C-alpha atoms as a PDB file:
ATOM      1  CA  UNK A   1     113.373 110.074 123.482  1.00  0.00           C
ATOM      2  CA  UNK A   2     113.489 110.045 127.251  1.00  0.00           C
ATOM      3  CA  UNK A   3     109.682 110.074 127.310  1.00  0.00           C
ATOM      4  CA  UNK A   4     109.582 106.585 125.758  1.00  0.00           C
ATOM      5  CA  UNK A   5     112.466 105.066 127.728  1.00  0.00           C
ATOM      6  CA  UNK A   6     115.487 105.977 125.588  1.00  0.00           C
ATOM      7  CA  UNK A   7     116.057 102.372 124.456  1.00  0.00           C
ATOM      8  CA  UNK A   8     114.687  99.854 121.979  1.00  0.00           C
ATOM      9  CA  UNK A   9     111.486  98.422 123.370  1.00  0.00           C
ATOM     10  CA  UNK A  10     112.224  95.087 121.669  1.00  0.00           C
ATOM     11  CA  UNK A  11     115.898  94.304 122.287  1.00  0.00           C
ATOM     12  CA  UNK A  12     116.888  96.986 124.814  1.00  0.00           C
ATOM     13  CA  UNK A  13     119.591  98.613 122.646  1.00  0.00           C
ATOM     14  CA  UNK A  14     120.605 101.988 124.122  1.00  0.00           C
ATOM     15  CA  UNK A  15     124.186 102.730 123.026  1.00  0.00           C
ATOM     16  CA  UNK A  16     123.496 105.412 120.382  1.00  0.00           C
ATOM     17  CA  UNK A  17     120.398 107.626 120.354  1.00  0.00           C
ATOM     18  CA  UNK A  18     120.867 108.214 116.612  1.00  0.00           C
ATOM     19  CA  UNK A  19     120.112 104.506 116.060  1.00  0.00           C
ATOM     20  CA  UNK A  20     116.735 104.759 117.827  1.00  0.00           C
ATOM     21  CA  UNK A  21     113.607 105.336 115.769  1.00  0.00           C
ATOM     22  CA  UNK A  22     109.911 105.817 116.361  1.00  0.00           C
ATOM     23  CA  UNK A  23     107.498 103.177 115.077  1.00  0.00           C
ATOM     24  CA  UNK A  24     103.752 103.792 114.877  1.00  0.00           C
ATOM     25  CA  UNK A  25     101.898 100.673 116.017  1.00  0.00           C
ATOM     26  CA  UNK A  26      98.935 101.498 113.764  1.00  0.00           C
ATOM     27  CA  UNK A  27      99.964 103.595 110.739  1.00  0.00           C
ATOM     28  CA  UNK A  28      96.309 104.541 110.137  1.00  0.00           C
ATOM     29  CA  UNK A  29      96.327 106.536 113.397  1.00  0.00           C
ATOM     30  CA  UNK A  30      99.445 108.512 112.412  1.00  0.00           C
ATOM     31  CA  UNK A  31      98.806 112.251 112.326  1.00  0.00           C
ATOM     32  CA  UNK A  32     102.367 113.412 111.619  1.00  0.00           C
ATOM     33  CA  UNK A  33     105.967 112.173 111.482  1.00  0.00           C
ATOM     34  CA  UNK A  34     107.692 112.448 114.844  1.00  0.00           C
ATOM     35  CA  UNK A  35     111.009 112.851 113.010  1.00  0.00           C
ATOM     36  CA  UNK A  36     109.789 116.008 111.227  1.00  0.00           C
ATOM     37  CA  UNK A  37     112.101 118.743 112.538  1.00  0.00           C
ATOM     38  CA  UNK A  38     109.620 121.447 111.512  1.00  0.00           C
ATOM     39  CA  UNK A  39     106.839 120.382 113.873  1.00  0.00           C
ATOM     40  CA  UNK A  40     105.231 123.440 115.444  1.00  0.00           C
ATOM     41  CA  UNK A  41     103.168 121.711 118.124  1.00  0.00           C
ATOM     42  CA  UNK A  42     103.149 121.939 121.883  1.00  0.00           C
ATOM     43  CA  UNK A  43     104.372 119.087 124.074  1.00  0.00           C
ATOM     44  CA  UNK A  44     100.917 117.600 124.892  1.00  0.00           C
ATOM     45  CA  UNK A  45     100.197 117.184 121.160  1.00  0.00           C
ATOM     46  CA  UNK A  46     103.570 115.539 120.587  1.00  0.00           C
ATOM     47  CA  UNK A  47     103.045 113.238 123.601  1.00  0.00           C
ATOM     48  CA  UNK A  48      99.688 112.178 122.177  1.00  0.00           C
ATOM     49  CA  UNK A  49     101.421 111.086 118.962  1.00  0.00           C
ATOM     50  CA  UNK A  50     104.279 109.378 120.841  1.00  0.00           C
ATOM     51  CA  UNK A  51     101.718 107.344 122.766  1.00  0.00           C
ATOM     52  CA  UNK A  52     100.695 105.749 119.454  1.00  0.00           C
ATOM     53  CA  UNK A  53     103.997 103.946 119.032  1.00  0.00           C
ATOM     54  CA  UNK A  54     107.221 102.555 120.393  1.00  0.00           C
ATOM     55  CA  UNK A  55     110.922 103.337 120.234  1.00  0.00           C
ATOM     56  CA  UNK A  56     112.972 100.689 118.446  1.00  0.00           C
ATOM     57  CA  UNK A  57     116.546 100.437 117.212  1.00  0.00           C
ATOM     58  CA  UNK A  58     117.156 100.663 113.483  1.00  0.00           C
ATOM     59  CA  UNK A  59     117.678  96.881 113.197  1.00  0.00           C
ATOM     60  CA  UNK A  60     114.456  95.958 115.002  1.00  0.00           C
ATOM     61  CA  UNK A  61     112.581  98.620 113.015  1.00  0.00           C
ATOM     62  CA  UNK A  62     113.703  97.057 109.724  1.00  0.00           C
ATOM     63  CA  UNK A  63     112.731  93.621 111.009  1.00  0.00           C
ATOM     64  CA  UNK A  64     109.254  94.909 111.923  1.00  0.00           C
ATOM     65  CA  UNK A  65     108.721  96.291 108.418  1.00  0.00           C
ATOM     66  CA  UNK A  66     110.107  93.077 106.879  1.00  0.00           C
ATOM     67  CA  UNK A  67     107.608  91.106 108.987  1.00  0.00           C
ATOM     68  CA  UNK A  68     110.454  89.270 110.745  1.00  0.00           C
ATOM     69  CA  UNK A  69     109.615  90.826 114.094  1.00  0.00           C
ATOM     70  CA  UNK A  70     106.068  91.400 115.285  1.00  0.00           C
END
């Protein structure tokens, strides 16, 4: 996730890349799951999707979906 800073955009966590997740800011604009390992797209198409969201750690991601963290 170097393209998006390689750390949580909320709390700055950066110790373990496996704990970082992608969060779409507007789910209605989502065209595909970034985590899908079978994506057969070129880099510009993937970048376009990455630009629709942020990288967050697993804890902050759960807080976003629980409406504890906006």
